[in-house]
Amino acid sequence: MIYEGLFALLVFFCTIPVWFYLYKNYLGDILAEIYVEKIESGKIDLNYLLDEGGVFDELSERIITRFKQNMLADMGQLSHQSSSGSEGVGVIGDQAAMGIEAAGELLRMVGMKKPPAMLQYKVANALGKMLDQQQPDDDAVGRFFPDRP
C-alpha cells in the first residue's frame, strides 16, 4: 500500500520534466497556431476580450490592489519595528523612532488604544514637517559671518 503510493508520487514527479519539455518544444507551438487561426477566423473575438470584456482591466486592477496591500502591510511592519527600539541604529534612526513613539503617544492621548502603524507613521511625518517649519535653518556661514548671506 505504501509502496504503491510512493511509486505513484515518483511517477508523477518524474513525468513533470517530460511534460515541460514536450510543451516547450512541441505543444506550445501547436496550441499557439490553433489559437491564432481561431482569432483570425473570428471564433474568438479578441476585441471583446481587450475592450468590452474588461478581462485585462480587471486583472490589472487586482494586481495593483494586491501590490498596494502588500506595500501597506510592509510599511506597517517597518514602523512597528522602528518603534520597538533597536540598538545601534544611529542618530537618524533614533530621531525617527522618537518621532514615531511621540506620534503613538499623541494618538493614545486622543483616545486610540492601539493606533495603527500607518497612522503613527503619517502623524510622525506631519509632526516632523511642523518641527522643520518652526526651526530656522542652521547656517554655519551666517552664524560666523553675519554680514554674508
Protein backbone atom coordinates (compact mmCIF):
# COMPACT_ATOMS: atom_id res chain seq x y z
CA MET A 1 0.00 0.00 0.00
CA ILE A 2 2.72 2.48 0.97
CA TYR A 3 4.91 1.36 -1.91
CA GLU A 4 2.10 1.92 -4.39
CA GLY A 5 1.63 5.49 -3.13
CA LEU A 6 5.36 6.18 -3.27
CA PHE A 7 5.54 4.70 -6.76
CA ALA A 8 2.64 6.91 -7.92
CA LEU A 9 4.36 10.00 -6.49
CA LEU A 10 7.64 9.01 -8.10
CA VAL A 11 5.99 8.54 -11.49
CA PHE A 12 4.14 11.84 -11.12
CA PHE A 13 7.23 13.87 -10.24
CA CYS A 14 9.42 12.14 -12.81
CA THR A 15 6.97 12.86 -15.64
CA ILE A 16 6.69 16.60 -14.92
CA PRO A 17 10.03 17.44 -16.64
CA VAL A 18 8.94 15.36 -19.63
CA TRP A 19 5.68 17.31 -19.91
CA PHE A 20 7.54 20.62 -19.64
CA TYR A 21 9.91 19.60 -22.41
CA LEU A 22 7.05 18.45 -24.66
CA TYR A 23 5.05 21.63 -24.06
CA LYS A 24 8.01 23.92 -24.62
CA ASN A 25 9.18 22.28 -27.82
CA TYR A 26 6.03 20.86 -29.44
CA LEU A 27 2.67 21.56 -27.78
CA GLY A 28 3.23 25.29 -27.23
CA ASP A 29 3.75 25.97 -30.93
CA ILE A 30 0.81 23.78 -31.96
CA LEU A 31 -1.56 25.45 -29.47
CA ALA A 32 -0.37 28.93 -30.48
CA GLU A 33 -1.13 28.15 -34.14
CA ILE A 34 -4.59 26.85 -33.23
CA TYR A 35 -5.46 29.99 -31.24
CA VAL A 36 -4.14 32.33 -33.94
CA GLU A 37 -6.31 30.51 -36.51
CA LYS A 38 -9.38 30.80 -34.24
CA ILE A 39 -8.77 34.53 -33.71
CA GLU A 40 -8.29 35.13 -37.43
CA SER A 41 -11.40 33.14 -38.34
CA GLY A 42 -13.49 35.04 -35.80
CA LYS A 43 -14.31 32.15 -33.46
CA ILE A 44 -12.54 34.03 -30.66
CA ASP A 45 -13.42 37.71 -30.51
CA LEU A 46 -10.20 39.38 -29.41
CA ASN A 47 -11.77 42.86 -29.46
CA TYR A 48 -14.31 41.76 -26.87
CA LEU A 49 -11.54 40.43 -24.61
CA LEU A 50 -9.46 43.59 -24.92
CA ASP A 51 -12.10 46.35 -24.97
CA GLU A 52 -15.59 45.38 -23.87
CA GLY A 53 -15.00 42.33 -21.71
CA GLY A 54 -12.71 44.14 -19.31
CA VAL A 55 -10.70 40.99 -18.72
CA PHE A 56 -7.34 42.72 -18.72
CA ASP A 57 -8.62 45.77 -16.85
CA GLU A 58 -9.94 43.57 -14.06
CA LEU A 59 -6.71 41.59 -13.96
CA SER A 60 -4.52 44.70 -13.76
CA GLU A 61 -6.76 46.20 -11.08
CA ARG A 62 -6.45 43.07 -8.96
CA ILE A 63 -2.66 43.06 -9.34
CA ILE A 64 -2.39 46.74 -8.35
CA THR A 65 -4.66 46.20 -5.35
CA ARG A 66 -2.57 43.24 -4.22
CA PHE A 67 0.68 45.22 -4.54
CA LYS A 68 -0.84 48.12 -2.61
CA GLN A 69 -1.98 45.84 0.21
CA ASN A 70 1.44 44.21 0.44
CA MET A 71 3.17 47.60 0.44
CA LEU A 72 0.95 48.92 3.25
CA ALA A 73 1.48 45.77 5.30
CA ASP A 74 5.24 46.04 4.88
CA MET A 75 5.21 49.71 5.85
CA GLY A 76 3.21 48.86 8.96
CA GLN A 77 5.69 46.19 9.94
CA LEU A 78 8.59 48.58 9.39
CA SER A 79 7.03 51.29 11.52
CA HIS A 80 6.32 48.81 14.32
CA GLN A 81 9.90 47.59 14.17
CA SER A 82 11.26 51.10 14.28
CA SER A 83 9.05 51.97 17.24
CA SER A 84 10.18 48.90 19.17
CA GLY A 85 13.61 50.46 19.58
CA SER A 86 16.73 48.77 18.33
CA GLU A 87 20.31 49.33 19.43
CA GLY A 88 22.97 50.66 17.09
CA VAL A 89 20.62 52.40 14.66
CA GLY A 90 22.32 55.78 14.86
CA VAL A 91 21.20 59.33 15.42
CA ILE A 92 18.83 59.49 12.45
CA GLY A 93 17.22 56.17 13.39
CA ASP A 94 16.80 57.34 16.97
CA GLN A 95 15.13 60.53 15.78
CA ALA A 96 12.75 58.57 13.57
CA ALA A 97 11.97 56.14 16.38
CA MET A 98 11.41 59.07 18.74
CA GLY A 99 9.05 60.69 16.24
CA ILE A 100 7.04 57.51 15.76
CA GLU A 101 6.89 56.97 19.52
CA ALA A 102 5.75 60.57 20.08
CA ALA A 103 3.09 60.13 17.41
CA GLY A 104 1.91 56.94 19.10
CA GLU A 105 1.69 58.68 22.47
CA LEU A 106 -0.20 61.59 20.89
CA LEU A 107 -2.71 59.20 19.31
CA ARG A 108 -3.10 57.35 22.63
CA MET A 109 -3.83 60.67 24.37
CA VAL A 110 -6.52 61.36 21.78
CA GLY A 111 -8.20 58.10 22.77
CA MET A 112 -6.92 55.39 20.45
CA LYS A 113 -5.98 52.30 22.44
CA LYS A 114 -3.72 50.72 19.82
CA PRO A 115 -3.11 53.13 16.93
CA PRO A 116 -2.33 51.52 13.55
CA ALA A 117 1.28 51.68 12.46
CA MET A 118 0.49 53.55 9.24
CA LEU A 119 -1.36 56.23 11.19
CA GLN A 120 1.58 56.57 13.57
CA TYR A 121 3.93 56.92 10.60
CA LYS A 122 1.78 59.60 8.97
CA VAL A 123 1.36 61.56 12.20
CA ALA A 124 5.12 61.36 12.84
CA ASN A 125 5.73 62.62 9.30
CA ALA A 126 3.35 65.54 9.86
CA LEU A 127 4.97 66.34 13.23
CA GLY A 128 8.39 66.30 11.58
CA LYS A 129 7.22 68.73 8.90
CA MET A 130 5.75 71.03 11.56
CA LEU A 131 9.01 70.89 13.51
CA ASP A 132 11.04 71.71 10.38
CA GLN A 133 8.84 74.75 9.74
CA GLN A 134 9.28 76.00 13.31
CA GLN A 135 13.06 75.68 13.46
CA PRO A 136 15.08 78.08 11.30
CA ASP A 137 17.80 76.57 9.12
CA ASP A 138 21.09 76.45 10.96
CA ASP A 139 23.51 78.19 8.61
CA ALA A 140 27.14 77.90 9.73
CA VAL A 141 28.35 80.68 7.39
CA GLY A 142 25.64 83.09 8.54
CA ARG A 143 26.36 82.28 12.16
CA PHE A 144 30.09 83.04 11.95
CA PHE A 145 29.84 85.80 9.34
CA PRO A 146 26.59 87.73 9.89
CA ASP A 147 27.31 90.14 7.05
CA ARG A 148 27.33 87.31 4.46
CA PRO A 149 24.06 85.90 3.16
